[in-house]
């Protein structure tokens, strides 16, 4: 299986929760250079909400 962790060359959002009893983990890298990681269900939820609202498709590739 390929490594799905986002990098500056492959920006994106990756979330993992292997089982219901383990905390979620997440990482995000945007093409504008911003990056973040989170551990724990509520922190990962906040990471996803922030990334979706402010990065990725929320702005164009020029970083605006």
N, C-alpha and C. Protein backbone atom coordinates (compact mmCIF):
# COMPACT_ATOMS: atom_id res chain seq x y z
N UNK A 1 0.84 -1.18 0.00
CA UNK A 1 0.00 0.00 0.00
C UNK A 1 0.88 1.24 0.00
N UNK A 2 0.50 2.23 -0.76
CA UNK A 2 1.26 3.47 -0.88
C UNK A 2 1.14 4.30 0.39
N UNK A 3 2.17 5.07 0.66
CA UNK A 3 2.14 6.00 1.78
C UNK A 3 1.22 7.16 1.41
N UNK A 4 0.18 7.36 2.18
CA UNK A 4 -0.81 8.39 1.87
C UNK A 4 -0.58 9.69 2.62
N UNK A 5 0.52 9.79 3.36
CA UNK A 5 0.81 11.00 4.11
C UNK A 5 1.08 12.14 3.14
N UNK A 6 0.39 13.28 3.31
CA UNK A 6 0.61 14.40 2.40
C UNK A 6 2.01 14.99 2.57
N UNK A 7 2.54 15.51 1.48
CA UNK A 7 3.84 16.16 1.46
C UNK A 7 3.72 17.45 0.64
N UNK A 8 4.73 18.32 0.69
CA UNK A 8 4.66 19.52 -0.16
C UNK A 8 4.52 19.18 -1.65
N UNK A 9 5.09 18.05 -2.06
CA UNK A 9 4.96 17.62 -3.46
C UNK A 9 3.62 16.98 -3.75
N UNK A 10 2.97 16.45 -2.72
CA UNK A 10 1.65 15.81 -2.83
C UNK A 10 0.76 16.34 -1.72
N UNK A 11 0.28 17.59 -1.84
CA UNK A 11 -0.53 18.16 -0.76
C UNK A 11 -1.86 17.43 -0.61
N UNK A 12 -2.41 17.53 0.57
CA UNK A 12 -3.70 16.91 0.82
C UNK A 12 -3.94 16.72 2.30
N UNK A 13 -4.93 15.92 2.59
CA UNK A 13 -5.37 15.65 3.95
C UNK A 13 -5.44 14.15 4.13
N UNK A 14 -4.87 13.64 5.23
CA UNK A 14 -4.92 12.20 5.51
C UNK A 14 -5.36 11.99 6.95
N UNK A 15 -6.37 11.16 7.14
CA UNK A 15 -6.89 10.82 8.47
C UNK A 15 -6.88 9.31 8.61
N UNK A 16 -6.49 8.84 9.80
CA UNK A 16 -6.46 7.41 10.06
C UNK A 16 -7.07 7.14 11.43
N UNK A 17 -7.88 6.10 11.51
CA UNK A 17 -8.44 5.62 12.77
C UNK A 17 -8.59 4.12 12.61
N UNK A 18 -7.51 3.38 12.95
CA UNK A 18 -7.49 1.94 12.68
C UNK A 18 -8.59 1.14 13.37
N UNK A 19 -9.04 1.58 14.53
CA UNK A 19 -10.12 0.87 15.21
C UNK A 19 -10.90 1.86 16.06
N UNK A 20 -12.11 1.51 16.46
CA UNK A 20 -12.93 2.41 17.28
C UNK A 20 -12.29 2.77 18.62
N UNK A 21 -11.37 1.93 19.09
CA UNK A 21 -10.77 2.15 20.40
C UNK A 21 -9.45 2.91 20.36
N UNK A 22 -8.97 3.28 19.19
CA UNK A 22 -7.72 4.03 19.08
C UNK A 22 -8.03 5.47 18.68
N UNK A 23 -7.19 6.41 19.11
CA UNK A 23 -7.43 7.80 18.71
C UNK A 23 -7.12 8.00 17.23
N UNK A 24 -7.84 8.89 16.63
CA UNK A 24 -7.60 9.24 15.24
C UNK A 24 -6.30 10.03 15.15
N UNK A 25 -5.65 9.95 13.99
CA UNK A 25 -4.50 10.78 13.69
C UNK A 25 -4.75 11.43 12.33
N UNK A 26 -4.20 12.60 12.15
CA UNK A 26 -4.40 13.29 10.88
C UNK A 26 -3.22 14.17 10.54
N UNK A 27 -3.02 14.39 9.26
CA UNK A 27 -2.00 15.31 8.79
C UNK A 27 -2.52 16.01 7.55
N UNK A 28 -2.09 17.24 7.39
CA UNK A 28 -2.52 18.04 6.24
C UNK A 28 -1.36 18.88 5.76
N UNK A 29 -1.24 18.99 4.44
CA UNK A 29 -0.27 19.87 3.81
C UNK A 29 -0.99 20.54 2.65
N UNK A 30 -0.87 21.85 2.59
CA UNK A 30 -1.52 22.61 1.52
C UNK A 30 -0.48 23.05 0.50
N UNK A 31 -0.91 23.29 -0.72
CA UNK A 31 0.00 23.76 -1.75
C UNK A 31 0.53 25.16 -1.45
N UNK A 32 -0.09 25.89 -0.50
CA UNK A 32 0.39 27.21 -0.11
C UNK A 32 1.55 27.13 0.88
N UNK A 33 1.84 25.92 1.38
CA UNK A 33 2.94 25.74 2.31
C UNK A 33 2.52 25.45 3.73
N UNK A 34 1.27 25.65 4.07
CA UNK A 34 0.79 25.38 5.42
C UNK A 34 0.75 23.87 5.67
N UNK A 35 1.06 23.48 6.91
CA UNK A 35 0.97 22.06 7.26
C UNK A 35 0.58 21.94 8.73
N UNK A 36 -0.03 20.81 9.09
CA UNK A 36 -0.45 20.57 10.46
C UNK A 36 -0.65 19.09 10.69
N UNK A 37 -0.53 18.67 11.94
CA UNK A 37 -0.84 17.30 12.34
C UNK A 37 -1.71 17.36 13.58
N UNK A 38 -2.43 16.27 13.84
CA UNK A 38 -3.30 16.21 15.01
C UNK A 38 -3.43 14.76 15.46
N UNK A 39 -3.64 14.61 16.77
CA UNK A 39 -3.88 13.29 17.36
C UNK A 39 -5.06 13.42 18.31
N UNK A 40 -5.98 12.49 18.21
CA UNK A 40 -7.19 12.51 19.03
C UNK A 40 -8.38 12.89 18.18
N UNK A 41 -9.50 12.28 18.46
CA UNK A 41 -10.68 12.47 17.61
C UNK A 41 -11.09 13.93 17.46
N UNK A 42 -11.18 14.66 18.55
CA UNK A 42 -11.65 16.05 18.45
C UNK A 42 -10.61 16.94 17.78
N UNK A 43 -9.32 16.69 18.02
CA UNK A 43 -8.28 17.49 17.37
C UNK A 43 -8.24 17.21 15.87
N UNK A 44 -8.42 15.96 15.49
CA UNK A 44 -8.44 15.62 14.06
C UNK A 44 -9.67 16.23 13.39
N UNK A 45 -10.78 16.21 14.07
CA UNK A 45 -11.99 16.84 13.52
C UNK A 45 -11.73 18.32 13.27
N UNK A 46 -11.08 19.00 14.21
CA UNK A 46 -10.76 20.42 14.05
C UNK A 46 -9.77 20.63 12.90
N UNK A 47 -8.79 19.72 12.75
CA UNK A 47 -7.84 19.81 11.64
C UNK A 47 -8.57 19.71 10.30
N UNK A 48 -9.48 18.76 10.18
CA UNK A 48 -10.23 18.57 8.93
C UNK A 48 -11.08 19.81 8.64
N UNK A 49 -11.77 20.32 9.66
CA UNK A 49 -12.61 21.51 9.46
C UNK A 49 -11.78 22.71 9.06
N UNK A 50 -10.64 22.91 9.72
CA UNK A 50 -9.77 24.04 9.38
C UNK A 50 -9.17 23.92 7.99
N UNK A 51 -8.73 22.72 7.64
CA UNK A 51 -8.15 22.51 6.31
C UNK A 51 -9.21 22.74 5.23
N UNK A 52 -10.39 22.21 5.44
CA UNK A 52 -11.44 22.35 4.43
C UNK A 52 -11.89 23.79 4.26
N UNK A 53 -11.94 24.53 5.37
CA UNK A 53 -12.40 25.92 5.31
C UNK A 53 -11.33 26.87 4.78
N UNK A 54 -10.04 26.56 5.01
CA UNK A 54 -9.00 27.55 4.73
C UNK A 54 -7.92 27.11 3.75
N UNK A 55 -7.89 25.84 3.37
CA UNK A 55 -6.82 25.34 2.51
C UNK A 55 -7.40 24.40 1.47
N UNK A 56 -6.53 23.69 0.77
CA UNK A 56 -7.00 22.77 -0.26
C UNK A 56 -7.79 23.51 -1.32
N UNK A 57 -8.99 23.06 -1.52
CA UNK A 57 -9.85 23.67 -2.54
C UNK A 57 -10.39 25.04 -2.14
N UNK A 58 -10.18 25.46 -0.88
CA UNK A 58 -10.71 26.74 -0.42
C UNK A 58 -10.00 27.93 -1.06
N UNK A 59 -8.81 27.74 -1.57
CA UNK A 59 -8.13 28.82 -2.30
C UNK A 59 -7.39 28.25 -3.49
N UNK A 60 -7.01 29.11 -4.40
CA UNK A 60 -6.40 28.62 -5.63
C UNK A 60 -4.91 28.32 -5.43
N UNK A 61 -4.28 27.80 -6.43
CA UNK A 61 -2.87 27.37 -6.33
C UNK A 61 -1.89 28.52 -6.18
N UNK A 62 -2.33 29.77 -6.27
CA UNK A 62 -1.42 30.88 -6.06
C UNK A 62 -1.29 31.23 -4.59
N UNK A 63 -2.03 30.53 -3.70
CA UNK A 63 -1.91 30.75 -2.27
C UNK A 63 -2.85 31.79 -1.72
N UNK A 64 -3.79 32.26 -2.53
CA UNK A 64 -4.75 33.26 -2.05
C UNK A 64 -5.89 32.62 -1.32
